[in-house]
Amino acid sequence: MLDVATGTGFHSVRLLEAGFEVVSADGSPEMLSKAFDNGKRFGHILRTVQADWRWLNRDVHGTYDAIICLGNSFTHLFNERDRRKALAEYYAMLEHDGVLIIDQRNYDGILDDGFSSKHTYYYCGDAVAAEPEYVDDGLARFRYSFPDESVYHLNMYPLRREYLRRLMHEVGFQQIDTYGDFQETYRDDEPDFFIHVAEKVYRDDDKIEEEAKELTK
């Protein structure tokens, strides 16, 4: 498996402990160093690679059965060309029956109905308060408040669910299933996060046309 946004290494370590072979990539050398140290704390030596998603094939070698891009990381890309390029790089690095797992915050709910959180699945832990200070169709600026009273801000692009599904379809993914907070059945306004599972499979033309119509509705 290839963890393309390893960050602190949390997902890579959990996958290693589950028995998977993992390569951990990130664009930040500082985060890769932190991930490597965290891996050692749990008895693992992470195979780390510094890589830009837009040129992933240049920096990371081989093909993979699965690629994960978790932690709401993909929403740090603000340019549509970069988003398409990154997704195309993921697609190219997968085996012919490989799977991409990519998540995003439920920006649809935030844009349409305002922000709320159930803290059911929360990357920072339930002691951290995360809430948007500003949101429009082109920017979501979040404020993260920690128990030690430190405060951090992140600017992210508010991806809508169907927009990202359409981009994945257009770069070649034919089967895309979307879950709300890891549940198959959910109301659109309820989840904190959407998790997309995109399969690199080859299907007959009638099925492809049918799914394409559903994605463009």
N, C-alpha and C. Protein backbone atom coordinates (compact mmCIF):
# COMPACT_ATOMS: atom_id res chain seq x y z
N MET A 1 0.83 -1.18 0.00
CA MET A 1 0.00 0.00 0.00
C MET A 1 0.88 1.24 0.00
N LEU A 2 0.34 2.29 -0.60
CA LEU A 2 1.04 3.57 -0.64
C LEU A 2 0.20 4.60 0.11
N ASP A 3 0.78 5.16 1.16
CA ASP A 3 0.14 6.21 1.95
C ASP A 3 0.70 7.54 1.45
N VAL A 4 -0.07 8.24 0.59
CA VAL A 4 0.49 9.40 -0.09
C VAL A 4 0.45 10.68 0.74
N ALA A 5 -0.24 10.66 1.88
CA ALA A 5 -0.29 11.83 2.77
C ALA A 5 -0.05 11.36 4.19
N THR A 6 1.12 10.80 4.42
CA THR A 6 1.35 10.09 5.67
C THR A 6 1.32 11.00 6.89
N GLY A 7 1.73 12.27 6.73
CA GLY A 7 1.68 13.19 7.87
C GLY A 7 2.50 12.67 9.03
N THR A 8 1.86 12.44 10.17
CA THR A 8 2.56 11.94 11.36
C THR A 8 2.81 10.44 11.29
N GLY A 9 2.31 9.78 10.23
CA GLY A 9 2.52 8.34 10.08
C GLY A 9 1.47 7.48 10.72
N PHE A 10 0.40 8.07 11.23
CA PHE A 10 -0.61 7.32 11.97
C PHE A 10 -1.16 6.15 11.15
N HIS A 11 -1.63 6.44 9.93
CA HIS A 11 -2.25 5.39 9.12
C HIS A 11 -1.22 4.36 8.67
N SER A 12 -0.02 4.81 8.35
CA SER A 12 1.02 3.87 7.94
C SER A 12 1.33 2.88 9.05
N VAL A 13 1.45 3.36 10.28
CA VAL A 13 1.74 2.48 11.41
C VAL A 13 0.60 1.49 11.63
N ARG A 14 -0.63 1.98 11.57
CA ARG A 14 -1.76 1.08 11.77
C ARG A 14 -1.81 0.00 10.69
N LEU A 15 -1.49 0.37 9.46
CA LEU A 15 -1.49 -0.61 8.37
C LEU A 15 -0.36 -1.63 8.54
N LEU A 16 0.81 -1.16 8.96
CA LEU A 16 1.92 -2.08 9.22
C LEU A 16 1.55 -3.07 10.32
N GLU A 17 0.90 -2.58 11.36
CA GLU A 17 0.51 -3.46 12.45
C GLU A 17 -0.57 -4.45 12.03
N ALA A 18 -1.30 -4.11 10.95
CA ALA A 18 -2.32 -5.02 10.43
C ALA A 18 -1.72 -6.02 9.42
N GLY A 19 -0.41 -5.88 9.14
CA GLY A 19 0.25 -6.85 8.28
C GLY A 19 0.46 -6.43 6.84
N PHE A 20 0.15 -5.18 6.51
CA PHE A 20 0.35 -4.71 5.14
C PHE A 20 1.78 -4.24 4.94
N GLU A 21 2.24 -4.31 3.69
CA GLU A 21 3.49 -3.66 3.30
C GLU A 21 3.14 -2.24 2.87
N VAL A 22 3.86 -1.26 3.42
CA VAL A 22 3.47 0.14 3.24
C VAL A 22 4.67 1.00 2.84
N VAL A 23 4.45 1.89 1.89
CA VAL A 23 5.39 2.97 1.59
C VAL A 23 4.70 4.27 2.00
N SER A 24 5.40 5.10 2.74
CA SER A 24 4.82 6.32 3.30
C SER A 24 5.40 7.54 2.59
N ALA A 25 4.55 8.32 1.94
CA ALA A 25 4.99 9.48 1.19
C ALA A 25 4.37 10.76 1.76
N ASP A 26 5.10 11.85 1.63
CA ASP A 26 4.59 13.16 2.04
C ASP A 26 5.43 14.22 1.35
N GLY A 27 4.84 15.38 1.14
CA GLY A 27 5.58 16.47 0.51
C GLY A 27 6.48 17.22 1.47
N SER A 28 6.30 17.02 2.77
CA SER A 28 7.05 17.75 3.79
C SER A 28 8.12 16.87 4.42
N PRO A 29 9.39 17.26 4.31
CA PRO A 29 10.45 16.47 4.97
C PRO A 29 10.30 16.48 6.49
N GLU A 30 9.77 17.57 7.04
CA GLU A 30 9.57 17.64 8.50
C GLU A 30 8.54 16.60 8.95
N MET A 31 7.45 16.45 8.19
CA MET A 31 6.44 15.47 8.55
C MET A 31 6.96 14.05 8.37
N LEU A 32 7.77 13.81 7.34
CA LEU A 32 8.35 12.49 7.14
C LEU A 32 9.27 12.11 8.30
N SER A 33 10.02 13.08 8.81
CA SER A 33 10.88 12.83 9.96
C SER A 33 10.05 12.48 11.19
N LYS A 34 8.96 13.21 11.38
CA LYS A 34 8.07 12.93 12.51
C LYS A 34 7.44 11.54 12.36
N ALA A 35 7.01 11.23 11.12
CA ALA A 35 6.41 9.92 10.88
C ALA A 35 7.40 8.80 11.14
N PHE A 36 8.63 8.98 10.71
CA PHE A 36 9.67 7.96 10.92
C PHE A 36 9.89 7.74 12.42
N ASP A 37 9.97 8.84 13.18
CA ASP A 37 10.17 8.73 14.62
C ASP A 37 8.98 8.04 15.28
N ASN A 38 7.76 8.38 14.85
CA ASN A 38 6.57 7.75 15.42
C ASN A 38 6.54 6.26 15.10
N GLY A 39 6.97 5.91 13.88
CA GLY A 39 7.04 4.49 13.52
C GLY A 39 7.98 3.72 14.43
N LYS A 40 9.15 4.31 14.71
CA LYS A 40 10.13 3.65 15.59
C LYS A 40 9.57 3.44 16.99
N ARG A 41 8.75 4.38 17.46
CA ARG A 41 8.16 4.25 18.80
C ARG A 41 7.30 3.00 18.90
N PHE A 42 6.74 2.58 17.76
CA PHE A 42 5.88 1.39 17.76
C PHE A 42 6.60 0.17 17.18
N GLY A 43 7.92 0.29 17.02
CA GLY A 43 8.71 -0.85 16.57
C GLY A 43 8.73 -1.06 15.08
N HIS A 44 8.44 -0.01 14.28
CA HIS A 44 8.41 -0.14 12.83
C HIS A 44 9.39 0.84 12.19
N ILE A 45 10.03 0.39 11.11
CA ILE A 45 10.87 1.26 10.30
C ILE A 45 10.09 1.64 9.05
N LEU A 46 9.59 2.87 8.99
CA LEU A 46 8.79 3.29 7.85
C LEU A 46 9.67 3.50 6.61
N ARG A 47 9.16 3.06 5.49
CA ARG A 47 9.81 3.31 4.19
C ARG A 47 9.26 4.64 3.68
N THR A 48 9.98 5.72 3.91
CA THR A 48 9.47 7.06 3.63
C THR A 48 10.06 7.61 2.32
N VAL A 49 9.23 8.38 1.61
CA VAL A 49 9.63 9.02 0.36
C VAL A 49 9.03 10.42 0.32
N GLN A 50 9.86 11.43 0.04
CA GLN A 50 9.32 12.77 -0.16
C GLN A 50 8.81 12.86 -1.60
N ALA A 51 7.56 13.23 -1.74
CA ALA A 51 6.96 13.23 -3.08
C ALA A 51 5.84 14.25 -3.18
N ASP A 52 5.78 14.89 -4.34
CA ASP A 52 4.69 15.78 -4.71
C ASP A 52 3.65 14.95 -5.45
N TRP A 53 2.38 15.05 -5.05
CA TRP A 53 1.33 14.24 -5.69
C TRP A 53 1.28 14.44 -7.19
N ARG A 54 1.59 15.63 -7.65
CA ARG A 54 1.46 15.92 -9.09
C ARG A 54 2.51 15.20 -9.93
N TRP A 55 3.60 14.78 -9.28
CA TRP A 55 4.66 14.03 -9.97
C TRP A 55 5.01 12.79 -9.16
N LEU A 56 3.99 12.10 -8.71
CA LEU A 56 4.18 10.97 -7.83
C LEU A 56 5.01 9.87 -8.49
N ASN A 57 4.74 9.61 -9.78
CA ASN A 57 5.46 8.54 -10.49
C ASN A 57 6.95 8.84 -10.65
N ARG A 58 7.30 10.11 -10.57
CA ARG A 58 8.71 10.49 -10.68
C ARG A 58 9.49 10.12 -9.42
N ASP A 59 8.83 10.25 -8.27
CA ASP A 59 9.52 10.10 -7.00
C ASP A 59 9.29 8.76 -6.30
N VAL A 60 8.16 8.12 -6.60
CA VAL A 60 7.82 6.84 -5.97
C VAL A 60 7.81 5.78 -7.06
N HIS A 61 8.47 4.67 -6.81
CA HIS A 61 8.60 3.64 -7.84
C HIS A 61 7.66 2.47 -7.58
N GLY A 62 7.28 1.80 -8.66
CA GLY A 62 6.47 0.61 -8.54
C GLY A 62 4.97 0.90 -8.65
N THR A 63 4.19 -0.16 -8.58
CA THR A 63 2.73 -0.04 -8.57
C THR A 63 2.21 -0.69 -7.29
N TYR A 64 0.97 -0.33 -6.94
CA TYR A 64 0.45 -0.70 -5.63
C TYR A 64 -0.95 -1.28 -5.74
N ASP A 65 -1.27 -2.13 -4.79
CA ASP A 65 -2.62 -2.69 -4.72
C ASP A 65 -3.62 -1.68 -4.18
N ALA A 66 -3.14 -0.75 -3.36
CA ALA A 66 -4.02 0.27 -2.79
C ALA A 66 -3.23 1.53 -2.51
N ILE A 67 -3.89 2.66 -2.70
CA ILE A 67 -3.34 3.97 -2.35
C ILE A 67 -4.33 4.64 -1.42
N ILE A 68 -3.83 5.22 -0.32
CA ILE A 68 -4.70 5.96 0.58
C ILE A 68 -4.26 7.42 0.64
N CYS A 69 -5.24 8.30 0.67
CA CYS A 69 -5.00 9.74 0.85
C CYS A 69 -6.02 10.20 1.89
N LEU A 70 -5.63 10.15 3.16
CA LEU A 70 -6.56 10.36 4.26
C LEU A 70 -6.20 11.62 5.06
N GLY A 71 -7.04 11.90 6.06
CA GLY A 71 -6.81 13.07 6.90
C GLY A 71 -7.27 14.36 6.27
N ASN A 72 -8.24 14.28 5.33
CA ASN A 72 -8.74 15.47 4.65
C ASN A 72 -7.64 16.17 3.86
N SER A 73 -6.60 15.42 3.51
CA SER A 73 -5.40 16.01 2.91
C SER A 73 -5.63 16.54 1.50
N PHE A 74 -6.47 15.85 0.73
CA PHE A 74 -6.63 16.24 -0.68
C PHE A 74 -7.21 17.64 -0.82
N THR A 75 -7.88 18.12 0.21
CA THR A 75 -8.50 19.45 0.13
C THR A 75 -7.48 20.57 0.26
N HIS A 76 -6.19 20.24 0.39
CA HIS A 76 -5.16 21.27 0.40
C HIS A 76 -4.78 21.70 -1.02
N LEU A 77 -5.30 21.03 -2.03
CA LEU A 77 -5.06 21.43 -3.42
C LEU A 77 -6.13 22.43 -3.85
N PHE A 78 -5.70 23.62 -4.24
CA PHE A 78 -6.65 24.68 -4.60
C PHE A 78 -6.85 24.82 -6.10
N ASN A 79 -6.00 24.20 -6.90
CA ASN A 79 -6.07 24.34 -8.35
C ASN A 79 -6.66 23.07 -8.96
N GLU A 80 -7.68 23.22 -9.82
CA GLU A 80 -8.31 22.02 -10.39
C GLU A 80 -7.34 21.22 -11.23
N ARG A 81 -6.45 21.88 -11.93
CA ARG A 81 -5.46 21.15 -12.73
C ARG A 81 -4.60 20.27 -11.84
N ASP A 82 -4.22 20.79 -10.66
CA ASP A 82 -3.42 20.00 -9.72
C ASP A 82 -4.22 18.81 -9.19
N ARG A 83 -5.52 19.02 -8.94
CA ARG A 83 -6.35 17.91 -8.45
C ARG A 83 -6.45 16.81 -9.49
N ARG A 84 -6.68 17.20 -10.73
CA ARG A 84 -6.76 16.20 -11.82
C ARG A 84 -5.42 15.48 -11.99
N LYS A 85 -4.34 16.24 -11.94
CA LYS A 85 -3.02 15.64 -12.13
C LYS A 85 -2.72 14.65 -11.01
N ALA A 86 -3.03 15.02 -9.78
CA ALA A 86 -2.76 14.13 -8.66
C ALA A 86 -3.59 12.85 -8.77
N LEU A 87 -4.87 12.97 -9.09
CA LEU A 87 -5.72 11.78 -9.22
C LEU A 87 -5.24 10.89 -10.36
N ALA A 88 -4.78 11.50 -11.45
CA ALA A 88 -4.26 10.71 -12.56
C ALA A 88 -2.98 9.97 -12.16
N GLU A 89 -2.16 10.61 -11.32
CA GLU A 89 -0.95 9.95 -10.82
C GLU A 89 -1.32 8.76 -9.93
N TYR A 90 -2.32 8.94 -9.07
CA TYR A 90 -2.77 7.82 -8.24
C TYR A 90 -3.23 6.67 -9.12
N TYR A 91 -4.04 7.00 -10.12
CA TYR A 91 -4.59 5.96 -11.01
C TYR A 91 -3.47 5.19 -11.69
N ALA A 92 -2.46 5.92 -12.18
CA ALA A 92 -1.37 5.28 -12.92
C ALA A 92 -0.54 4.35 -12.04
N MET A 93 -0.48 4.64 -10.73
CA MET A 93 0.36 3.85 -9.83
C MET A 93 -0.36 2.65 -9.24
N LEU A 94 -1.63 2.48 -9.55
CA LEU A 94 -2.38 1.34 -9.05
C LEU A 94 -2.26 0.14 -9.98
N GLU A 95 -2.26 -1.06 -9.41
CA GLU A 95 -2.41 -2.27 -10.21
C GLU A 95 -3.78 -2.23 -10.91
N HIS A 96 -3.98 -3.08 -11.90
CA HIS A 96 -5.19 -2.98 -12.72
C HIS A 96 -6.47 -3.21 -11.93
N ASP A 97 -6.39 -3.86 -10.77
CA ASP A 97 -7.55 -4.05 -9.91
C ASP A 97 -7.35 -3.37 -8.56
N GLY A 98 -6.53 -2.30 -8.56
CA GLY A 98 -6.21 -1.61 -7.32
C GLY A 98 -7.32 -0.68 -6.85
N VAL A 99 -7.14 -0.17 -5.63
CA VAL A 99 -8.16 0.65 -4.98
C VAL A 99 -7.53 1.94 -4.44
N LEU A 100 -8.21 3.06 -4.69
CA LEU A 100 -7.85 4.34 -4.08
C LEU A 100 -8.87 4.64 -2.98
N ILE A 101 -8.38 4.97 -1.80
CA ILE A 101 -9.25 5.39 -0.70
C ILE A 101 -8.88 6.83 -0.35
N ILE A 102 -9.82 7.72 -0.52
CA ILE A 102 -9.57 9.14 -0.31
C ILE A 102 -10.72 9.73 0.48
N ASP A 103 -10.40 10.57 1.45
CA ASP A 103 -11.48 11.13 2.26
C ASP A 103 -11.51 12.66 2.16
N GLN A 104 -12.59 13.22 2.65
CA GLN A 104 -12.75 14.67 2.67
C GLN A 104 -13.77 15.03 3.75
N ARG A 105 -13.62 16.20 4.29
CA ARG A 105 -14.64 16.71 5.21
C ARG A 105 -15.95 16.93 4.44
N ASN A 106 -17.05 16.88 5.13
CA ASN A 106 -18.36 17.09 4.50
C ASN A 106 -18.58 18.58 4.27
N TYR A 107 -17.94 19.10 3.22
CA TYR A 107 -18.08 20.51 2.91
C TYR A 107 -19.47 20.84 2.36
N ASP A 108 -20.14 19.86 1.78
CA ASP A 108 -21.50 20.11 1.30
C ASP A 108 -22.38 20.60 2.46
N GLY A 109 -22.30 19.87 3.57
CA GLY A 109 -23.10 20.24 4.72
C GLY A 109 -22.71 21.61 5.28
N ILE A 110 -21.40 21.90 5.31
CA ILE A 110 -20.92 23.17 5.84
C ILE A 110 -21.38 24.33 4.94
N LEU A 111 -21.23 24.16 3.63
CA LEU A 111 -21.61 25.22 2.70
C LEU A 111 -23.12 25.45 2.66
N ASP A 112 -23.87 24.36 2.71
CA ASP A 112 -25.32 24.47 2.52
C ASP A 112 -26.09 24.72 3.82
N ASP A 113 -25.60 24.16 4.93
CA ASP A 113 -26.39 24.19 6.18
C ASP A 113 -25.64 24.75 7.37
N GLY A 114 -24.36 25.09 7.21
CA GLY A 114 -23.59 25.54 8.36
C GLY A 114 -22.84 24.40 9.00
N PHE A 115 -21.91 24.73 9.89
CA PHE A 115 -21.01 23.73 10.46
C PHE A 115 -21.60 23.09 11.71
N SER A 116 -21.44 21.78 11.80
CA SER A 116 -21.72 21.03 13.02
C SER A 116 -20.84 19.80 13.00
N SER A 117 -20.58 19.21 14.15
CA SER A 117 -19.74 18.01 14.20
C SER A 117 -20.22 17.10 15.31
N LYS A 118 -20.28 15.81 14.98
CA LYS A 118 -20.66 14.81 15.97
C LYS A 118 -19.43 14.24 16.69
N HIS A 119 -18.23 14.57 16.18
CA HIS A 119 -16.98 14.04 16.75
C HIS A 119 -16.97 12.51 16.76
N THR A 120 -17.69 11.89 15.83
CA THR A 120 -17.72 10.44 15.78
C THR A 120 -16.41 9.88 15.25
N TYR A 121 -15.93 10.45 14.18
CA TYR A 121 -14.63 10.07 13.60
C TYR A 121 -13.85 11.36 13.45
N TYR A 122 -12.85 11.52 14.29
CA TYR A 122 -12.19 12.81 14.36
C TYR A 122 -10.69 12.60 14.40
N TYR A 123 -9.99 13.16 13.44
CA TYR A 123 -8.57 12.87 13.31
C TYR A 123 -7.73 13.45 14.44
N CYS A 124 -8.16 14.53 15.03
CA CYS A 124 -7.33 15.19 16.04
C CYS A 124 -7.65 14.75 17.46
N GLY A 125 -8.68 13.94 17.63
CA GLY A 125 -9.10 13.56 18.97
C GLY A 125 -10.19 14.48 19.48
N ASP A 126 -10.97 14.00 20.43
CA ASP A 126 -12.12 14.77 20.87
C ASP A 126 -11.76 15.91 21.82
N ALA A 127 -10.48 16.06 22.17
CA ALA A 127 -10.06 17.18 23.01
C ALA A 127 -9.71 18.41 22.20
N VAL A 128 -9.71 18.27 20.88
CA VAL A 128 -9.34 19.37 20.00
C VAL A 128 -10.61 19.96 19.39
N ALA A 129 -10.74 21.28 19.45
CA ALA A 129 -11.88 21.95 18.84
C ALA A 129 -11.49 22.43 17.45
N ALA A 130 -12.23 21.99 16.43
CA ALA A 130 -11.98 22.41 15.06
C ALA A 130 -13.25 23.01 14.50
N GLU A 131 -13.17 24.23 14.03
CA GLU A 131 -14.35 24.87 13.48
C GLU A 131 -13.93 25.90 12.44
N PRO A 132 -14.76 26.11 11.43
CA PRO A 132 -14.42 27.05 10.37
C PRO A 132 -14.56 28.50 10.84
N GLU A 133 -13.58 29.31 10.53
CA GLU A 133 -13.67 30.75 10.79
C GLU A 133 -14.23 31.47 9.57
N TYR A 134 -14.01 30.88 8.39
CA TYR A 134 -14.53 31.49 7.17
C TYR A 134 -14.74 30.40 6.14
N VAL A 135 -15.86 30.43 5.45
CA VAL A 135 -16.14 29.45 4.40
C VAL A 135 -16.88 30.12 3.25
N ASP A 136 -16.38 29.90 2.04
CA ASP A 136 -17.14 30.21 0.84
C ASP A 136 -16.85 29.12 -0.17
N ASP A 137 -17.29 29.27 -1.41
CA ASP A 137 -17.13 28.21 -2.40
C ASP A 137 -15.67 27.95 -2.78
N GLY A 138 -14.77 28.87 -2.42
CA GLY A 138 -13.38 28.68 -2.80
C GLY A 138 -12.41 28.54 -1.64
N LEU A 139 -12.90 28.69 -0.39
CA LEU A 139 -11.98 28.62 0.75
C LEU A 139 -12.72 28.19 2.01
N ALA A 140 -12.09 27.27 2.74
CA ALA A 140 -12.54 26.92 4.08
C ALA A 140 -11.34 27.10 5.01
N ARG A 141 -11.43 28.12 5.87
CA ARG A 141 -10.34 28.39 6.81
C ARG A 141 -10.77 27.87 8.18
N PHE A 142 -10.05 26.84 8.67
CA PHE A 142 -10.41 26.20 9.94
C PHE A 142 -9.45 26.63 11.05
N ARG A 143 -10.03 26.77 12.22
CA ARG A 143 -9.27 27.09 13.44
C ARG A 143 -9.24 25.84 14.32
N TYR A 144 -8.03 25.42 14.73
CA TYR A 144 -7.85 24.26 15.59
C TYR A 144 -7.34 24.73 16.94
N SER A 145 -8.11 24.48 17.99
CA SER A 145 -7.74 24.87 19.35
C SER A 145 -7.42 23.62 20.16
N PHE A 146 -6.23 23.60 20.78
CA PHE A 146 -5.74 22.43 21.50
C PHE A 146 -5.84 22.66 23.01
N PRO A 147 -5.81 21.57 23.78
CA PRO A 147 -5.94 21.68 25.24
C PRO A 147 -4.90 22.58 25.89
N ASP A 148 -3.70 22.70 25.30
CA ASP A 148 -2.66 23.56 25.89
C ASP A 148 -2.84 25.03 25.51
N GLU A 149 -4.02 25.34 24.91
CA GLU A 149 -4.41 26.69 24.51
C GLU A 149 -3.70 27.17 23.25
N SER A 150 -2.96 26.29 22.59
CA SER A 150 -2.38 26.66 21.30
C SER A 150 -3.45 26.64 20.23
N VAL A 151 -3.28 27.48 19.22
CA VAL A 151 -4.26 27.63 18.14
C VAL A 151 -3.53 27.59 16.79
N TYR A 152 -4.08 26.82 15.87
CA TYR A 152 -3.51 26.74 14.53
C TYR A 152 -4.63 26.95 13.51
N HIS A 153 -4.23 27.40 12.32
CA HIS A 153 -5.20 27.62 11.25
C HIS A 153 -4.77 26.85 10.01
N LEU A 154 -5.75 26.34 9.28
CA LEU A 154 -5.50 25.68 8.00
C LEU A 154 -6.47 26.21 6.97
N ASN A 155 -5.94 26.50 5.80
CA ASN A 155 -6.78 26.88 4.66
C ASN A 155 -6.95 25.67 3.75
N MET A 156 -8.20 25.36 3.41
CA MET A 156 -8.50 24.19 2.58
C MET A 156 -9.53 24.56 1.52
N TYR A 157 -9.53 23.77 0.45
CA TYR A 157 -10.52 23.98 -0.60
C TYR A 157 -11.75 23.14 -0.28
N PRO A 158 -12.94 23.75 -0.22
CA PRO A 158 -14.15 23.02 0.16
C PRO A 158 -14.70 22.15 -0.97
N LEU A 159 -14.12 20.98 -1.13
CA LEU A 159 -14.55 20.05 -2.17
C LEU A 159 -15.97 19.55 -1.90
N ARG A 160 -16.80 19.62 -2.90
CA ARG A 160 -18.11 19.00 -2.80
C ARG A 160 -17.99 17.52 -3.19
N ARG A 161 -18.82 16.71 -2.56
CA ARG A 161 -18.73 15.25 -2.74
C ARG A 161 -18.84 14.84 -4.20
N GLU A 162 -19.88 15.29 -4.90
CA GLU A 162 -20.09 14.83 -6.26
C GLU A 162 -19.04 15.39 -7.21
N TYR A 163 -18.49 16.55 -6.90
CA TYR A 163 -17.42 17.11 -7.72
C TYR A 163 -16.20 16.20 -7.69
N LEU A 164 -15.81 15.77 -6.49
CA LEU A 164 -14.63 14.89 -6.38
C LEU A 164 -14.91 13.54 -7.04
N ARG A 165 -16.11 13.02 -6.86
CA ARG A 165 -16.46 11.75 -7.52
C ARG A 165 -16.36 11.89 -9.03
N ARG A 166 -16.80 13.01 -9.56
CA ARG A 166 -16.73 13.22 -11.01
C ARG A 166 -15.29 13.29 -11.49
N LEU A 167 -14.43 13.99 -10.73
CA LEU A 167 -13.01 14.06 -11.11
C LEU A 167 -12.38 12.67 -11.14
N MET A 168 -12.69 11.86 -10.14
CA MET A 168 -12.12 10.51 -10.10
C MET A 168 -12.61 9.69 -11.29
N HIS A 169 -13.87 9.86 -11.62
CA HIS A 169 -14.40 9.14 -12.77
C HIS A 169 -13.71 9.59 -14.07
N GLU A 170 -13.49 10.88 -14.20
CA GLU A 170 -12.92 11.41 -15.44
C GLU A 170 -11.46 11.01 -15.64
N VAL A 171 -10.72 10.71 -14.57
CA VAL A 171 -9.33 10.27 -14.76
C VAL A 171 -9.24 8.77 -14.97
N GLY A 172 -10.40 8.06 -14.86
CA GLY A 172 -10.38 6.64 -15.22
C GLY A 172 -11.03 5.68 -14.26
N PHE A 173 -11.31 6.11 -13.02
CA PHE A 173 -11.92 5.21 -12.06
C PHE A 173 -13.37 4.94 -12.45
N GLN A 174 -13.70 3.65 -12.60
CA GLN A 174 -15.03 3.29 -13.08
C GLN A 174 -16.01 2.98 -11.96
N GLN A 175 -15.53 2.42 -10.88
CA GLN A 175 -16.40 2.07 -9.75
C GLN A 175 -16.00 2.92 -8.55
N ILE A 176 -16.92 3.75 -8.08
CA ILE A 176 -16.65 4.64 -6.95
C ILE A 176 -17.78 4.50 -5.93
N ASP A 177 -17.45 4.05 -4.73
CA ASP A 177 -18.42 3.96 -3.64
C ASP A 177 -18.06 5.00 -2.58
N THR A 178 -19.06 5.68 -2.07
CA THR A 178 -18.83 6.73 -1.09
C THR A 178 -19.55 6.40 0.21
N TYR A 179 -18.83 6.53 1.32
CA TYR A 179 -19.36 6.23 2.64
C TYR A 179 -19.37 7.50 3.49
N GLY A 180 -20.33 7.59 4.40
CA GLY A 180 -20.39 8.69 5.34
C GLY A 180 -19.93 8.23 6.70
N ASP A 181 -18.79 8.80 7.18
CA ASP A 181 -18.21 8.35 8.46
C ASP A 181 -18.08 6.83 8.50
N PHE A 182 -17.64 6.25 7.36
CA PHE A 182 -17.36 4.83 7.22
C PHE A 182 -18.62 3.96 7.23
N GLN A 183 -19.79 4.60 7.07
CA GLN A 183 -21.04 3.85 7.01
C GLN A 183 -21.58 3.86 5.59
N GLU A 184 -22.12 2.71 5.14
CA GLU A 184 -22.62 2.62 3.77
C GLU A 184 -23.91 3.42 3.57
N THR A 185 -24.75 3.48 4.61
CA THR A 185 -26.01 4.19 4.53
C THR A 185 -25.97 5.41 5.44
N TYR A 186 -26.30 6.57 4.90
CA TYR A 186 -26.24 7.80 5.69
C TYR A 186 -27.09 8.87 5.01
N ARG A 187 -27.47 9.87 5.77
CA ARG A 187 -28.11 11.05 5.20
C ARG A 187 -27.03 12.03 4.80
N ASP A 188 -27.24 12.72 3.65
CA ASP A 188 -26.19 13.58 3.10
C ASP A 188 -25.71 14.65 4.07
N ASP A 189 -26.60 15.13 4.96
CA ASP A 189 -26.22 16.23 5.83
C ASP A 189 -25.63 15.77 7.15
N GLU A 190 -25.51 14.47 7.37
CA GLU A 190 -25.11 13.96 8.67
C GLU A 190 -23.61 13.74 8.86
N PRO A 191 -22.88 13.14 7.91
CA PRO A 191 -21.50 12.74 8.21
C PRO A 191 -20.56 13.92 8.43
N ASP A 192 -19.54 13.72 9.24
CA ASP A 192 -18.46 14.69 9.34
C ASP A 192 -17.51 14.54 8.14
N PHE A 193 -17.35 13.29 7.68
CA PHE A 193 -16.43 13.02 6.58
C PHE A 193 -17.07 12.10 5.55
N PHE A 194 -16.68 12.28 4.30
CA PHE A 194 -17.00 11.33 3.24
C PHE A 194 -15.73 10.53 2.94
N ILE A 195 -15.89 9.24 2.73
CA ILE A 195 -14.78 8.37 2.36
C ILE A 195 -15.11 7.73 1.02
N HIS A 196 -14.30 8.02 0.02
CA HIS A 196 -14.51 7.49 -1.33
C HIS A 196 -13.59 6.30 -1.56
N VAL A 197 -14.15 5.21 -2.06
CA VAL A 197 -13.38 4.02 -2.42
C VAL A 197 -13.53 3.83 -3.93
N ALA A 198 -12.46 4.13 -4.65
CA ALA A 198 -12.48 4.10 -6.11
C ALA A 198 -11.67 2.91 -6.61
N GLU A 199 -12.29 2.07 -7.40
CA GLU A 199 -11.63 0.86 -7.89
C GLU A 199 -11.17 1.04 -9.34
N LYS A 200 -9.94 0.57 -9.60
CA LYS A 200 -9.42 0.59 -10.96
C LYS A 200 -9.77 -0.76 -11.59
N VAL A 201 -10.99 -0.84 -12.09
CA VAL A 201 -11.48 -2.08 -12.69
C VAL A 201 -11.93 -1.78 -14.11
N TYR A 202 -12.09 -2.84 -14.89
CA TYR A 202 -12.52 -2.69 -16.28
C TYR A 202 -13.88 -3.33 -16.44
N ARG A 203 -14.86 -2.52 -16.86
CA ARG A 203 -16.23 -2.99 -16.90
C ARG A 203 -16.78 -2.78 -18.31
N ASP A 204 -17.92 -3.43 -18.60
CA ASP A 204 -18.48 -3.34 -19.93
C ASP A 204 -19.00 -1.94 -20.20
N ASP A 205 -19.11 -1.59 -21.49
CA ASP A 205 -19.45 -0.23 -21.90
C ASP A 205 -20.82 0.22 -21.40
N ASP A 206 -21.81 -0.70 -21.37
CA ASP A 206 -23.15 -0.32 -20.92
C ASP A 206 -23.13 0.08 -19.45
N LYS A 207 -22.39 -0.65 -18.63
CA LYS A 207 -22.31 -0.35 -17.21
C LYS A 207 -21.58 0.97 -16.98
N ILE A 208 -20.53 1.21 -17.75
CA ILE A 208 -19.78 2.46 -17.63
C ILE A 208 -20.67 3.65 -17.97
N GLU A 209 -21.44 3.53 -19.06
CA GLU A 209 -22.32 4.62 -19.48
C GLU A 209 -23.40 4.90 -18.43
N GLU A 210 -23.94 3.83 -17.85
CA GLU A 210 -24.96 3.98 -16.81
C GLU A 210 -24.42 4.72 -15.59
N GLU A 211 -23.20 4.36 -15.14
CA GLU A 211 -22.63 5.00 -13.97
C GLU A 211 -22.21 6.43 -14.27
N ALA A 212 -21.75 6.71 -15.49
CA ALA A 212 -21.40 8.05 -15.88
C ALA A 212 -22.60 8.97 -15.82
N LYS A 213 -23.75 8.47 -16.23
CA LYS A 213 -24.98 9.26 -16.18
C LYS A 213 -25.36 9.58 -14.73
N GLU A 214 -25.17 8.61 -13.84
CA GLU A 214 -25.50 8.82 -12.43
C GLU A 214 -24.60 9.88 -11.82
N LEU A 215 -23.29 9.87 -12.20
CA LEU A 215 -22.34 10.82 -11.64
C LEU A 215 -22.58 12.24 -12.11
N THR A 216 -23.18 12.40 -13.29
CA THR A 216 -23.38 13.75 -13.85
C THR A 216 -24.77 14.30 -13.57
N LYS A 217 -25.60 13.57 -12.84
CA LYS A 217 -26.95 14.06 -12.51
C LYS A 217 -26.86 15.24 -11.56
